[in-house]
């Protein structure tokens, strides 16, 4: 599944069968990348700009990791524009976001304390 802007990685899921006939099922994880993030570290910074500048002028066979962000196989001005437009951006995965389960547990804890205080008062 070689889509520009995505990293795909197959992992063996389960192996089954006899010694003479082995079967392996795979699952493929797909992760979206931040436009301009050539090295996949979750932020568009100087290292990504360096990758694009190092490969600038490649006319065919370029990949996302080489700085081809539009999938045309070349590293050119449009790819450089992607890096410069997104310079300083970070992905949502890199940002610390509280999980909804954590907030739910906090709400249950507060309700439990209120119920305890109400029972003790009555």
PDB file of N, CA and C in Angstrom:
ATOM      1  N   UNK A   1       0.845  -1.176   0.000  1.00  0.00           N
ATOM      2  CA  UNK A   1       0.000   0.000   0.000  1.00  0.00           C
ATOM      3  C   UNK A   1       0.892   1.241   0.000  1.00  0.00           C
ATOM      4  N   UNK A   2       1.628   1.529  -1.009  1.00  0.00           N
ATOM      5  CA  UNK A   2       2.575   2.624  -1.027  1.00  0.00           C
ATOM      6  C   UNK A   2       1.944   3.966  -1.325  1.00  0.00           C
ATOM      7  N   UNK A   3       1.256   4.548  -0.364  1.00  0.00           N
ATOM      8  CA  UNK A   3       0.634   5.849  -0.543  1.00  0.00           C
ATOM      9  C   UNK A   3       1.554   6.940  -0.033  1.00  0.00           C
ATOM     10  N   UNK A   4       1.670   8.055  -0.777  1.00  0.00           N
ATOM     11  CA  UNK A   4       2.482   9.157  -0.262  1.00  0.00           C
ATOM     12  C   UNK A   4       1.887   9.693   1.031  1.00  0.00           C
ATOM     13  N   UNK A   5       2.719   9.966   1.991  1.00  0.00           N
ATOM     14  CA  UNK A   5       2.258  10.508   3.261  1.00  0.00           C
ATOM     15  C   UNK A   5       1.856   9.470   4.276  1.00  0.00           C
ATOM     16  N   UNK A   6       2.094   8.204   3.974  1.00  0.00           N
ATOM     17  CA  UNK A   6       1.740   7.139   4.903  1.00  0.00           C
ATOM     18  C   UNK A   6       2.911   6.188   5.066  1.00  0.00           C
ATOM     19  N   UNK A   7       3.066   5.674   6.268  1.00  0.00           N
ATOM     20  CA  UNK A   7       4.040   4.623   6.534  1.00  0.00           C
ATOM     21  C   UNK A   7       3.239   3.343   6.729  1.00  0.00           C
ATOM     22  N   UNK A   8       3.589   2.308   6.000  1.00  0.00           N
ATOM     23  CA  UNK A   8       2.906   1.031   6.178  1.00  0.00           C
ATOM     24  C   UNK A   8       3.910   0.010   6.668  1.00  0.00           C
ATOM     25  N   UNK A   9       3.477  -0.842   7.569  1.00  0.00           N
ATOM     26  CA  UNK A   9       4.369  -1.861   8.131  1.00  0.00           C
ATOM     27  C   UNK A   9       3.550  -3.119   8.384  1.00  0.00           C
ATOM     28  N   UNK A  10       3.848  -4.225   7.669  1.00  0.00           N
ATOM     29  CA  UNK A  10       3.124  -5.469   7.938  1.00  0.00           C
ATOM     30  C   UNK A  10       3.710  -6.207   9.143  1.00  0.00           C
ATOM     31  N   UNK A  11       2.849  -6.772   9.943  1.00  0.00           N
ATOM     32  CA  UNK A  11       3.259  -7.572  11.092  1.00  0.00           C
ATOM     33  C   UNK A  11       2.585  -8.937  10.999  1.00  0.00           C
ATOM     34  N   UNK A  12       3.314 -10.029  11.285  1.00  0.00           N
ATOM     35  CA  UNK A  12       2.665 -11.342  11.315  1.00  0.00           C
ATOM     36  C   UNK A  12       1.633 -11.379  12.435  1.00  0.00           C
ATOM     37  N   UNK A  13       0.459 -11.852  12.121  1.00  0.00           N
ATOM     38  CA  UNK A  13      -0.617 -11.880  13.103  1.00  0.00           C
ATOM     39  C   UNK A  13      -0.748 -13.255  13.739  1.00  0.00           C
ATOM     40  N   UNK A  14      -0.808 -14.278  12.911  1.00  0.00           N
ATOM     41  CA  UNK A  14      -0.957 -15.623  13.446  1.00  0.00           C
ATOM     42  C   UNK A  14      -0.365 -16.617  12.439  1.00  0.00           C
ATOM     43  N   UNK A  15       0.265 -17.631  12.932  1.00  0.00           N
ATOM     44  CA  UNK A  15       0.776 -18.708  12.083  1.00  0.00           C
ATOM     45  C   UNK A  15       0.040 -19.985  12.451  1.00  0.00           C
ATOM     46  N   UNK A  16      -0.329 -20.734  11.440  1.00  0.00           N
ATOM     47  CA  UNK A  16      -1.030 -21.982  11.695  1.00  0.00           C
ATOM     48  C   UNK A  16      -0.711 -22.966  10.578  1.00  0.00           C
ATOM     49  N   UNK A  17      -1.010 -24.212  10.794  1.00  0.00           N
ATOM     50  CA  UNK A  17      -0.804 -25.232   9.779  1.00  0.00           C
ATOM     51  C   UNK A  17       0.075 -26.358  10.285  1.00  0.00           C
ATOM     52  N   UNK A  18       0.415 -27.240   9.364  1.00  0.00           N
ATOM     53  CA  UNK A  18       1.258 -28.375   9.699  1.00  0.00           C
ATOM     54  C   UNK A  18       2.703 -28.043   9.366  1.00  0.00           C
ATOM     55  N   UNK A  19       3.574 -28.982   9.638  1.00  0.00           N
ATOM     56  CA  UNK A  19       4.987 -28.758   9.358  1.00  0.00           C
ATOM     57  C   UNK A  19       5.251 -28.599   7.855  1.00  0.00           C
ATOM     58  N   UNK A  20       4.475 -29.269   7.033  1.00  0.00           N
ATOM     59  CA  UNK A  20       4.696 -29.204   5.587  1.00  0.00           C
ATOM     60  C   UNK A  20       3.951 -28.035   4.937  1.00  0.00           C
ATOM     61  N   UNK A  21       2.952 -27.504   5.594  1.00  0.00           N
ATOM     62  CA  UNK A  21       2.168 -26.423   5.005  1.00  0.00           C
ATOM     63  C   UNK A  21       1.924 -25.347   6.063  1.00  0.00           C
ATOM     64  N   UNK A  22       2.687 -24.298   5.995  1.00  0.00           N
ATOM     65  CA  UNK A  22       2.623 -23.223   6.996  1.00  0.00           C
ATOM     66  C   UNK A  22       1.932 -22.002   6.382  1.00  0.00           C
ATOM     67  N   UNK A  23       1.030 -21.385   7.124  1.00  0.00           N
ATOM     68  CA  UNK A  23       0.327 -20.183   6.671  1.00  0.00           C
ATOM     69  C   UNK A  23       0.541 -19.075   7.699  1.00  0.00           C
ATOM     70  N   UNK A  24       0.728 -17.865   7.228  1.00  0.00           N
ATOM     71  CA  UNK A  24       0.872 -16.714   8.121  1.00  0.00           C
ATOM     72  C   UNK A  24      -0.074 -15.613   7.671  1.00  0.00           C
ATOM     73  N   UNK A  25      -0.898 -15.149   8.578  1.00  0.00           N
ATOM     74  CA  UNK A  25      -1.776 -14.010   8.303  1.00  0.00           C
ATOM     75  C   UNK A  25      -1.052 -12.749   8.729  1.00  0.00           C
ATOM     76  N   UNK A  26      -1.278 -11.645   8.024  1.00  0.00           N
ATOM     77  CA  UNK A  26      -0.623 -10.383   8.361  1.00  0.00           C
ATOM     78  C   UNK A  26      -1.642  -9.296   8.574  1.00  0.00           C
ATOM     79  N   UNK A  27      -1.277  -8.347   9.405  1.00  0.00           N
ATOM     80  CA  UNK A  27      -2.048  -7.132   9.575  1.00  0.00           C
ATOM     81  C   UNK A  27      -1.107  -5.977   9.239  1.00  0.00           C
ATOM     82  N   UNK A  28      -1.603  -4.980   8.541  1.00  0.00           N
ATOM     83  CA  UNK A  28      -0.776  -3.844   8.141  1.00  0.00           C
ATOM     84  C   UNK A  28      -1.266  -2.606   8.859  1.00  0.00           C
ATOM     85  N   UNK A  29      -0.360  -1.941   9.571  1.00  0.00           N
ATOM     86  CA  UNK A  29      -0.668  -0.690  10.242  1.00  0.00           C
ATOM     87  C   UNK A  29      -0.301   0.468   9.321  1.00  0.00           C
ATOM     88  N   UNK A  30      -1.170   1.455   9.231  1.00  0.00           N
ATOM     89  CA  UNK A  30      -0.930   2.622   8.388  1.00  0.00           C
ATOM     90  C   UNK A  30      -0.964   3.851   9.285  1.00  0.00           C
ATOM     91  N   UNK A  31       0.079   4.669   9.215  1.00  0.00           N
ATOM     92  CA  UNK A  31       0.150   5.889  10.023  1.00  0.00           C
ATOM     93  C   UNK A  31       0.293   7.091   9.096  1.00  0.00           C
ATOM     94  N   UNK A  32      -0.557   8.083   9.270  1.00  0.00           N
ATOM     95  CA  UNK A  32      -0.479   9.299   8.464  1.00  0.00           C
ATOM     96  C   UNK A  32       0.671  10.168   8.972  1.00  0.00           C
ATOM     97  N   UNK A  33       1.380  10.775   8.032  1.00  0.00           N
ATOM     98  CA  UNK A  33       2.495  11.642   8.384  1.00  0.00           C
ATOM     99  C   UNK A  33       2.098  13.100   8.230  1.00  0.00           C
ATOM    100  N   UNK A  34       2.767  13.945   8.948  1.00  0.00           N
ATOM    101  CA  UNK A  34       2.588  15.380   8.871  1.00  0.00           C
ATOM    102  C   UNK A  34       3.211  15.884   7.572  1.00  0.00           C
ATOM    103  N   UNK A  35       2.484  16.678   6.766  1.00  0.00           N
ATOM    104  CA  UNK A  35       3.070  17.195   5.527  1.00  0.00           C
ATOM    105  C   UNK A  35       4.366  17.957   5.810  1.00  0.00           C
ATOM    106  N   UNK A  36       5.436  17.552   5.144  1.00  0.00           N
ATOM    107  CA  UNK A  36       6.735  18.175   5.331  1.00  0.00           C
ATOM    108  C   UNK A  36       7.623  17.454   6.318  1.00  0.00           C
ATOM    109  N   UNK A  37       7.106  16.448   7.008  1.00  0.00           N
ATOM    110  CA  UNK A  37       7.886  15.697   8.001  1.00  0.00           C
ATOM    111  C   UNK A  37       8.549  14.505   7.319  1.00  0.00           C
ATOM    112  N   UNK A  38       9.705  14.730   6.725  1.00  0.00           N
ATOM    113  CA  UNK A  38      10.386  13.693   5.942  1.00  0.00           C
ATOM    114  C   UNK A  38      10.904  12.551   6.800  1.00  0.00           C
ATOM    115  N   UNK A  39      11.357  12.831   8.011  1.00  0.00           N
ATOM    116  CA  UNK A  39      11.939  11.773   8.840  1.00  0.00           C
ATOM    117  C   UNK A  39      10.931  11.122   9.783  1.00  0.00           C
ATOM    118  N   UNK A  40       9.689  11.579   9.782  1.00  0.00           N
ATOM    119  CA  UNK A  40       8.633  10.929  10.559  1.00  0.00           C
ATOM    120  C   UNK A  40       8.742  11.089  12.053  1.00  0.00           C
ATOM    121  N   UNK A  41       9.410  12.155  12.536  1.00  0.00           N
ATOM    122  CA  UNK A  41       9.556  12.344  13.982  1.00  0.00           C
ATOM    123  C   UNK A  41       8.418  13.154  14.608  1.00  0.00           C
ATOM    124  N   UNK A  42       7.415  13.532  13.817  1.00  0.00           N
ATOM    125  CA  UNK A  42       6.261  14.243  14.369  1.00  0.00           C
ATOM    126  C   UNK A  42       6.376  15.746  14.342  1.00  0.00           C
ATOM    127  N   UNK A  43       7.445  16.289  13.773  1.00  0.00           N
ATOM    128  CA  UNK A  43       7.565  17.741  13.663  1.00  0.00           C
ATOM    129  C   UNK A  43       8.302  18.101  12.374  1.00  0.00           C
ATOM    130  N   UNK A  44       7.959  19.268  11.833  1.00  0.00           N
ATOM    131  CA  UNK A  44       8.627  19.768  10.636  1.00  0.00           C
ATOM    132  C   UNK A  44       9.663  20.775  11.103  1.00  0.00           C
ATOM    133  N   UNK A  45      10.933  20.426  10.939  1.00  0.00           N
ATOM    134  CA  UNK A  45      12.012  21.255  11.468  1.00  0.00           C
ATOM    135  C   UNK A  45      13.197  21.270  10.514  1.00  0.00           C
ATOM    136  N   UNK A  46      14.326  21.712  11.009  1.00  0.00           N
ATOM    137  CA  UNK A  46      15.519  21.849  10.196  1.00  0.00           C
ATOM    138  C   UNK A  46      16.008  20.551   9.585  1.00  0.00           C
ATOM    139  N   UNK A  47      15.830  19.441  10.275  1.00  0.00           N
ATOM    140  CA  UNK A  47      16.286  18.167   9.711  1.00  0.00           C
ATOM    141  C   UNK A  47      15.463  17.794   8.481  1.00  0.00           C
ATOM    142  N   UNK A  48      14.166  18.116   8.489  1.00  0.00           N
ATOM    143  CA  UNK A  48      13.327  17.849   7.322  1.00  0.00           C
ATOM    144  C   UNK A  48      13.712  18.769   6.162  1.00  0.00           C
ATOM    145  N   UNK A  49      13.990  20.026   6.470  1.00  0.00           N
ATOM    146  CA  UNK A  49      14.442  20.959   5.446  1.00  0.00           C
ATOM    147  C   UNK A  49      15.762  20.491   4.849  1.00  0.00           C
ATOM    148  N   UNK A  50      16.659  19.987   5.687  1.00  0.00           N
ATOM    149  CA  UNK A  50      17.942  19.475   5.213  1.00  0.00           C
ATOM    150  C   UNK A  50      17.756  18.281   4.279  1.00  0.00           C
ATOM    151  N   UNK A  51      16.807  17.398   4.595  1.00  0.00           N
ATOM    152  CA  UNK A  51      16.537  16.239   3.743  1.00  0.00           C
ATOM    153  C   UNK A  51      16.058  16.692   2.370  1.00  0.00           C
ATOM    154  N   UNK A  52      15.137  17.666   2.348  1.00  0.00           N
ATOM    155  CA  UNK A  52      14.624  18.157   1.065  1.00  0.00           C
ATOM    156  C   UNK A  52      15.738  18.824   0.267  1.00  0.00           C
ATOM    157  N   UNK A  53      16.532  19.660   0.919  1.00  0.00           N
ATOM    158  CA  UNK A  53      17.612  20.349   0.211  1.00  0.00           C
ATOM    159  C   UNK A  53      18.671  19.382  -0.286  1.00  0.00           C
ATOM    160  N   UNK A  54      18.941  18.304   0.463  1.00  0.00           N
ATOM    161  CA  UNK A  54      19.925  17.308   0.046  1.00  0.00           C
ATOM    162  C   UNK A  54      19.467  16.547  -1.192  1.00  0.00           C
ATOM    163  N   UNK A  55      18.168  16.348  -1.325  1.00  0.00           N
ATOM    164  CA  UNK A  55      17.625  15.583  -2.452  1.00  0.00           C
ATOM    165  C   UNK A  55      17.008  16.466  -3.527  1.00  0.00           C
ATOM    166  N   UNK A  56      17.103  17.780  -3.357  1.00  0.00           N
ATOM    167  CA  UNK A  56      16.502  18.714  -4.306  1.00  0.00           C
ATOM    168  C   UNK A  56      17.090  18.478  -5.704  1.00  0.00           C
ATOM    169  N   UNK A  57      16.227  18.396  -6.677  1.00  0.00           N
ATOM    170  CA  UNK A  57      16.667  18.154  -8.045  1.00  0.00           C
ATOM    171  C   UNK A  57      16.519  16.707  -8.479  1.00  0.00           C
ATOM    172  N   UNK A  58      16.187  15.802  -7.553  1.00  0.00           N
ATOM    173  CA  UNK A  58      15.913  14.419  -7.931  1.00  0.00           C
ATOM    174  C   UNK A  58      14.669  14.422  -8.810  1.00  0.00           C
ATOM    175  N   UNK A  59      14.747  13.821  -9.986  1.00  0.00           N
ATOM    176  CA  UNK A  59      13.638  13.903 -10.933  1.00  0.00           C
ATOM    177  C   UNK A  59      12.764  12.667 -10.988  1.00  0.00           C
ATOM    178  N   UNK A  60      13.250  11.544 -10.464  1.00  0.00           N
ATOM    179  CA  UNK A  60      12.406  10.339 -10.453  1.00  0.00           C
ATOM    180  C   UNK A  60      12.842   9.413  -9.322  1.00  0.00           C
ATOM    181  N   UNK A  61      11.906   8.611  -8.878  1.00  0.00           N
ATOM    182  CA  UNK A  61      12.199   7.612  -7.851  1.00  0.00           C
ATOM    183  C   UNK A  61      12.296   8.125  -6.432  1.00  0.00           C
ATOM    184  N   UNK A  62      11.973   9.386  -6.201  1.00  0.00           N
ATOM    185  CA  UNK A  62      12.055   9.934  -4.839  1.00  0.00           C
ATOM    186  C   UNK A  62      10.888   9.421  -3.995  1.00  0.00           C
ATOM    187  N   UNK A  63      11.134   9.283  -2.708  1.00  0.00           N
ATOM    188  CA  UNK A  63      10.119   8.817  -1.761  1.00  0.00           C
ATOM    189  C   UNK A  63       9.819   9.918  -0.745  1.00  0.00           C
ATOM    190  N   UNK A  64       8.841   9.658   0.117  1.00  0.00           N
ATOM    191  CA  UNK A  64       8.507  10.598   1.183  1.00  0.00           C
ATOM    192  C   UNK A  64       9.733  10.894   2.046  1.00  0.00           C
ATOM    193  N   UNK A  65      10.482   9.856   2.377  1.00  0.00           N
ATOM    194  CA  UNK A  65      11.657  10.010   3.241  1.00  0.00           C
ATOM    195  C   UNK A  65      12.757  10.825   2.573  1.00  0.00           C
ATOM    196  N   UNK A  66      12.689  10.970   1.257  1.00  0.00           N
ATOM    197  CA  UNK A  66      13.660  11.786   0.527  1.00  0.00           C
ATOM    198  C   UNK A  66      13.168  13.220   0.331  1.00  0.00           C
ATOM    199  N   UNK A  67      11.898  13.478   0.672  1.00  0.00           N
ATOM    200  CA  UNK A  67      11.350  14.823   0.545  1.00  0.00           C
ATOM    201  C   UNK A  67      10.325  14.986  -0.551  1.00  0.00           C
ATOM    202  N   UNK A  68       9.845  13.890  -1.136  1.00  0.00           N
ATOM    203  CA  UNK A  68       8.793  13.962  -2.151  1.00  0.00           C
ATOM    204  C   UNK A  68       7.433  13.889  -1.452  1.00  0.00           C
ATOM    205  N   UNK A  69       6.863  15.041  -1.137  1.00  0.00           N
ATOM    206  CA  UNK A  69       5.629  15.083  -0.354  1.00  0.00           C
ATOM    207  C   UNK A  69       4.366  15.047  -1.196  1.00  0.00           C
ATOM    208  N   UNK A  70       4.482  15.249  -2.512  1.00  0.00           N
ATOM    209  CA  UNK A  70       3.279  15.211  -3.352  1.00  0.00           C
ATOM    210  C   UNK A  70       3.180  13.928  -4.175  1.00  0.00           C
ATOM    211  N   UNK A  71       4.142  13.029  -4.040  1.00  0.00           N
ATOM    212  CA  UNK A  71       4.059  11.724  -4.663  1.00  0.00           C
ATOM    213  C   UNK A  71       4.354  11.686  -6.149  1.00  0.00           C
ATOM    214  N   UNK A  72       4.988  12.731  -6.697  1.00  0.00           N
ATOM    215  CA  UNK A  72       5.283  12.732  -8.133  1.00  0.00           C
ATOM    216  C   UNK A  72       6.641  12.116  -8.466  1.00  0.00           C
ATOM    217  N   UNK A  73       7.371  11.642  -7.472  1.00  0.00           N
ATOM    218  CA  UNK A  73       8.654  10.994  -7.698  1.00  0.00           C
ATOM    219  C   UNK A  73       9.825  11.944  -7.799  1.00  0.00           C
ATOM    220  N   UNK A  74       9.565  13.239  -7.695  1.00  0.00           N
ATOM    221  CA  UNK A  74      10.627  14.244  -7.800  1.00  0.00           C
ATOM    222  C   UNK A  74      10.655  15.093  -6.545  1.00  0.00           C
ATOM    223  N   UNK A  75      11.826  15.638  -6.224  1.00  0.00           N
ATOM    224  CA  UNK A  75      11.965  16.590  -5.125  1.00  0.00           C
ATOM    225  C   UNK A  75      12.252  17.937  -5.779  1.00  0.00           C
ATOM    226  N   UNK A  76      11.250  18.822  -5.712  1.00  0.00           N
ATOM    227  CA  UNK A  76      11.364  20.103  -6.407  1.00  0.00           C
ATOM    228  C   UNK A  76      10.784  21.226  -5.556  1.00  0.00           C
ATOM    229  N   UNK A  77      10.495  22.342  -6.194  1.00  0.00           N
ATOM    230  CA  UNK A  77      10.007  23.524  -5.487  1.00  0.00           C
ATOM    231  C   UNK A  77       8.705  23.306  -4.747  1.00  0.00           C
ATOM    232  N   UNK A  78       7.818  22.478  -5.293  1.00  0.00           N
ATOM    233  CA  UNK A  78       6.551  22.237  -4.592  1.00  0.00           C
ATOM    234  C   UNK A  78       6.776  21.493  -3.276  1.00  0.00           C
ATOM    235  N   UNK A  79       7.738  20.577  -3.255  1.00  0.00           N
ATOM    236  CA  UNK A  79       8.052  19.852  -2.019  1.00  0.00           C
ATOM    237  C   UNK A  79       8.731  20.775  -1.008  1.00  0.00           C
ATOM    238  N   UNK A  80       9.594  21.634  -1.500  1.00  0.00           N
ATOM    239  CA  UNK A  80      10.241  22.620  -0.628  1.00  0.00           C
ATOM    240  C   UNK A  80       9.200  23.554  -0.029  1.00  0.00           C
ATOM    241  N   UNK A  81       8.200  23.916  -0.825  1.00  0.00           N
ATOM    242  CA  UNK A  81       7.118  24.776  -0.334  1.00  0.00           C
ATOM    243  C   UNK A  81       6.320  24.085   0.775  1.00  0.00           C
ATOM    244  N   UNK A  82       6.139  22.771   0.673  1.00  0.00           N
ATOM    245  CA  UNK A  82       5.418  22.025   1.718  1.00  0.00           C
ATOM    246  C   UNK A  82       6.167  22.130   3.044  1.00  0.00           C
ATOM    247  N   UNK A  83       7.492  21.970   3.006  1.00  0.00           N
ATOM    248  CA  UNK A  83       8.293  22.063   4.232  1.00  0.00           C
ATOM    249  C   UNK A  83       8.225  23.478   4.805  1.00  0.00           C
ATOM    250  N   UNK A  84       8.405  24.469   3.944  1.00  0.00           N
ATOM    251  CA  UNK A  84       8.418  25.849   4.429  1.00  0.00           C
ATOM    252  C   UNK A  84       7.048  26.282   4.950  1.00  0.00           C
ATOM    253  N   UNK A  85       5.970  25.799   4.322  1.00  0.00           N
ATOM    254  CA  UNK A  85       4.612  26.139   4.771  1.00  0.00           C
ATOM    255  C   UNK A  85       4.277  25.524   6.121  1.00  0.00           C
ATOM    256  N   UNK A  86       4.854  24.354   6.402  1.00  0.00           N
ATOM    257  CA  UNK A  86       4.536  23.641   7.642  1.00  0.00           C
ATOM    258  C   UNK A  86       5.658  23.695   8.669  1.00  0.00           C
ATOM    259  N   UNK A  87       6.679  24.507   8.413  1.00  0.00           N
ATOM    260  CA  UNK A  87       7.834  24.579   9.307  1.00  0.00           C
ATOM    261  C   UNK A  87       7.386  24.977  10.716  1.00  0.00           C
ATOM    262  N   UNK A  88       7.792  24.203  11.695  1.00  0.00           N
ATOM    263  CA  UNK A  88       7.419  24.455  13.087  1.00  0.00           C
ATOM    264  C   UNK A  88       6.175  23.707  13.532  1.00  0.00           C
ATOM    265  N   UNK A  89       5.505  23.029  12.610  1.00  0.00           N
ATOM    266  CA  UNK A  89       4.298  22.268  12.958  1.00  0.00           C
ATOM    267  C   UNK A  89       4.665  20.963  13.642  1.00  0.00           C
ATOM    268  N   UNK A  90       3.775  20.496  14.502  1.00  0.00           N
ATOM    269  CA  UNK A  90       3.925  19.182  15.119  1.00  0.00           C
ATOM    270  C   UNK A  90       2.646  18.407  14.896  1.00  0.00           C
ATOM    271  N   UNK A  91       2.746  17.094  14.894  1.00  0.00           N
ATOM    272  CA  UNK A  91       1.563  16.264  14.684  1.00  0.00           C
ATOM    273  C   UNK A  91       0.784  16.136  15.980  1.00  0.00           C
ATOM    274  N   UNK A  92      -0.483  15.760  15.844  1.00  0.00           N
ATOM    275  CA  UNK A  92      -1.324  15.559  17.023  1.00  0.00           C
ATOM    276  C   UNK A  92      -0.806  14.411  17.866  1.00  0.00           C
ATOM    277  N   UNK A  93      -0.166  13.436  17.225  1.00  0.00           N
ATOM    278  CA  UNK A  93       0.366  12.296  17.971  1.00  0.00           C
ATOM    279  C   UNK A  93       1.487  12.725  18.910  1.00  0.00           C
ATOM    280  N   UNK A  94       2.207  13.790  18.529  1.00  0.00           N
ATOM    281  CA  UNK A  94       3.315  14.244  19.357  1.00  0.00           C
ATOM    282  C   UNK A  94       2.840  15.106  20.524  1.00  0.00           C
ATOM    283  N   UNK A  95       1.620  15.647  20.427  1.00  0.00           N
ATOM    284  CA  UNK A  95       1.095  16.502  21.484  1.00  0.00           C
ATOM    285  C   UNK A  95       0.493  15.636  22.594  1.00  0.00           C
ATOM    286  N   UNK A  96       0.619  16.082  23.827  1.00  0.00           N
ATOM    287  CA  UNK A  96       0.060  15.345  24.961  1.00  0.00           C
ATOM    288  C   UNK A  96      -1.433  15.664  25.075  1.00  0.00           C
ATOM    289  N   UNK A  97      -2.257  14.653  24.900  1.00  0.00           N
ATOM    290  CA  UNK A  97      -3.704  14.811  24.961  1.00  0.00           C
ATOM    291  C   UNK A  97      -4.228  13.837  26.006  1.00  0.00           C
ATOM    292  N   UNK A  98      -5.016  14.327  26.979  1.00  0.00           N
ATOM    293  CA  UNK A  98      -5.551  13.394  27.971  1.00  0.00           C
ATOM    294  C   UNK A  98      -6.530  12.429  27.319  1.00  0.00           C
ATOM    295  N   UNK A  99      -6.506  11.195  27.742  1.00  0.00           N
ATOM    296  CA  UNK A  99      -7.389  10.191  27.183  1.00  0.00           C
ATOM    297  C   UNK A  99      -8.776  10.329  27.789  1.00  0.00           C
ATOM    298  N   UNK A 100      -9.789   9.997  27.005  1.00  0.00           N
ATOM    299  CA  UNK A 100     -11.167  10.130  27.473  1.00  0.00           C
ATOM    300  C   UNK A 100     -11.433   9.216  28.668  1.00  0.00           C
ATOM    301  N   UNK A 101     -10.792   8.073  28.728  1.00  0.00           N
ATOM    302  CA  UNK A 101     -10.976   7.161  29.869  1.00  0.00           C
ATOM    303  C   UNK A 101     -10.469   7.805  31.156  1.00  0.00           C
ATOM    304  N   UNK A 102      -9.380   8.549  31.067  1.00  0.00           N
ATOM    305  CA  UNK A 102      -8.841   9.221  32.239  1.00  0.00           C
ATOM    306  C   UNK A 102      -9.830  10.247  32.767  1.00  0.00           C
ATOM    307  N   UNK A 103     -10.422  11.012  31.867  1.00  0.00           N
ATOM    308  CA  UNK A 103     -11.410  12.008  32.286  1.00  0.00           C
ATOM    309  C   UNK A 103     -12.645  11.339  32.888  1.00  0.00           C
ATOM    310  N   UNK A 104     -13.045  10.207  32.318  1.00  0.00           N
ATOM    311  CA  UNK A 104     -14.192   9.466  32.863  1.00  0.00           C
ATOM    312  C   UNK A 104     -13.917   8.945  34.265  1.00  0.00           C
ATOM    313  N   UNK A 105     -12.720   8.429  34.480  1.00  0.00           N
ATOM    314  CA  UNK A 105     -12.353   7.939  35.811  1.00  0.00           C
ATOM    315  C   UNK A 105     -12.307   9.077  36.824  1.00  0.00           C
ATOM    316  N   UNK A 106     -11.823  10.232  36.389  1.00  0.00           N
ATOM    317  CA  UNK A 106     -11.790  11.405  37.260  1.00  0.00           C
ATOM    318  C   UNK A 106     -13.213  11.809  37.654  1.00  0.00           C
ATOM    319  N   UNK A 107     -14.134  11.801  36.678  1.00  0.00           N
ATOM    320  CA  UNK A 107     -15.526  12.153  36.957  1.00  0.00           C
ATOM    321  C   UNK A 107     -16.157  11.158  37.937  1.00  0.00           C
ATOM    322  N   UNK A 108     -15.879   9.864  37.758  1.00  0.00           N
ATOM    323  CA  UNK A 108     -16.409   8.863  38.687  1.00  0.00           C
ATOM    324  C   UNK A 108     -15.842   9.053  40.092  1.00  0.00           C
ATOM    325  N   UNK A 109     -14.576   9.411  40.183  1.00  0.00           N
ATOM    326  CA  UNK A 109     -13.963   9.657  41.489  1.00  0.00           C
ATOM    327  C   UNK A 109     -14.601  10.833  42.198  1.00  0.00           C
ATOM    328  N   UNK A 110     -14.867  11.904  41.461  1.00  0.00           N
ATOM    329  CA  UNK A 110     -15.521  13.081  42.053  1.00  0.00           C
ATOM    330  C   UNK A 110     -16.927  12.732  42.504  1.00  0.00           C
ATOM    331  N   UNK A 111     -17.672  11.970  41.690  1.00  0.00           N
ATOM    332  CA  UNK A 111     -19.022  11.554  42.081  1.00  0.00           C
ATOM    333  C   UNK A 111     -18.986  10.688  43.335  1.00  0.00           C
ATOM    334  N   UNK A 112     -17.999   9.798  43.425  1.00  0.00           N
ATOM    335  CA  UNK A 112     -17.860   8.955  44.606  1.00  0.00           C
ATOM    336  C   UNK A 112     -17.593   9.774  45.861  1.00  0.00           C
ATOM    337  N   UNK A 113     -16.732  10.777  45.756  1.00  0.00           N
ATOM    338  CA  UNK A 113     -16.447  11.638  46.902  1.00  0.00           C
ATOM    339  C   UNK A 113     -17.671  12.448  47.315  1.00  0.00           C
ATOM    340  N   UNK A 114     -18.430  12.935  46.324  1.00  0.00           N
ATOM    341  CA  UNK A 114     -19.657  13.684  46.646  1.00  0.00           C
ATOM    342  C   UNK A 114     -20.686  12.781  47.326  1.00  0.00           C
ATOM    343  N   UNK A 115     -20.827  11.550  46.853  1.00  0.00           N
ATOM    344  CA  UNK A 115     -21.772  10.614  47.462  1.00  0.00           C
ATOM    345  C   UNK A 115     -21.351  10.282  48.889  1.00  0.00           C
ATOM    346  N   UNK A 116     -20.051  10.091  49.119  1.00  0.00           N
ATOM    347  CA  UNK A 116     -19.538   9.809  50.453  1.00  0.00           C
ATOM    348  C   UNK A 116     -19.820  10.979  51.395  1.00  0.00           C
ATOM    349  N   UNK A 117     -19.556  12.186  50.924  1.00  0.00           N
ATOM    350  CA  UNK A 117     -19.798  13.365  51.759  1.00  0.00           C
ATOM    351  C   UNK A 117     -21.290  13.539  52.048  1.00  0.00           C
ATOM    352  N   UNK A 118     -22.151  13.263  51.076  1.00  0.00           N
ATOM    353  CA  UNK A 118     -23.589  13.400  51.266  1.00  0.00           C
ATOM    354  C   UNK A 118     -24.090  12.373  52.284  1.00  0.00           C
ATOM    355  N   UNK A 119     -23.604  11.115  52.194  1.00  0.00           N
ATOM    356  CA  UNK A 119     -24.014  10.060  53.130  1.00  0.00           C
ATOM    357  C   UNK A 119     -23.556  10.388  54.557  1.00  0.00           C
ATOM    358  N   UNK A 120     -22.358  10.898  54.674  1.00  0.00           N
ATOM    359  CA  UNK A 120     -21.796  11.190  55.975  1.00  0.00           C
ATOM    360  C   UNK A 120     -22.594  12.336  56.634  1.00  0.00           C
ATOM    361  N   UNK A 121     -23.085  13.274  55.829  1.00  0.00           N
ATOM    362  CA  UNK A 121     -23.829  14.412  56.342  1.00  0.00           C
ATOM    363  C   UNK A 121     -25.218  14.007  56.802  1.00  0.00           C
ATOM    364  N   UNK A 122     -25.786  12.991  56.188  1.00  0.00           N
ATOM    365  CA  UNK A 122     -27.159  12.572  56.554  1.00  0.00           C
ATOM    366  C   UNK A 122     -27.162  11.533  57.583  1.00  0.00           C
TER     367      UNK A 122
END
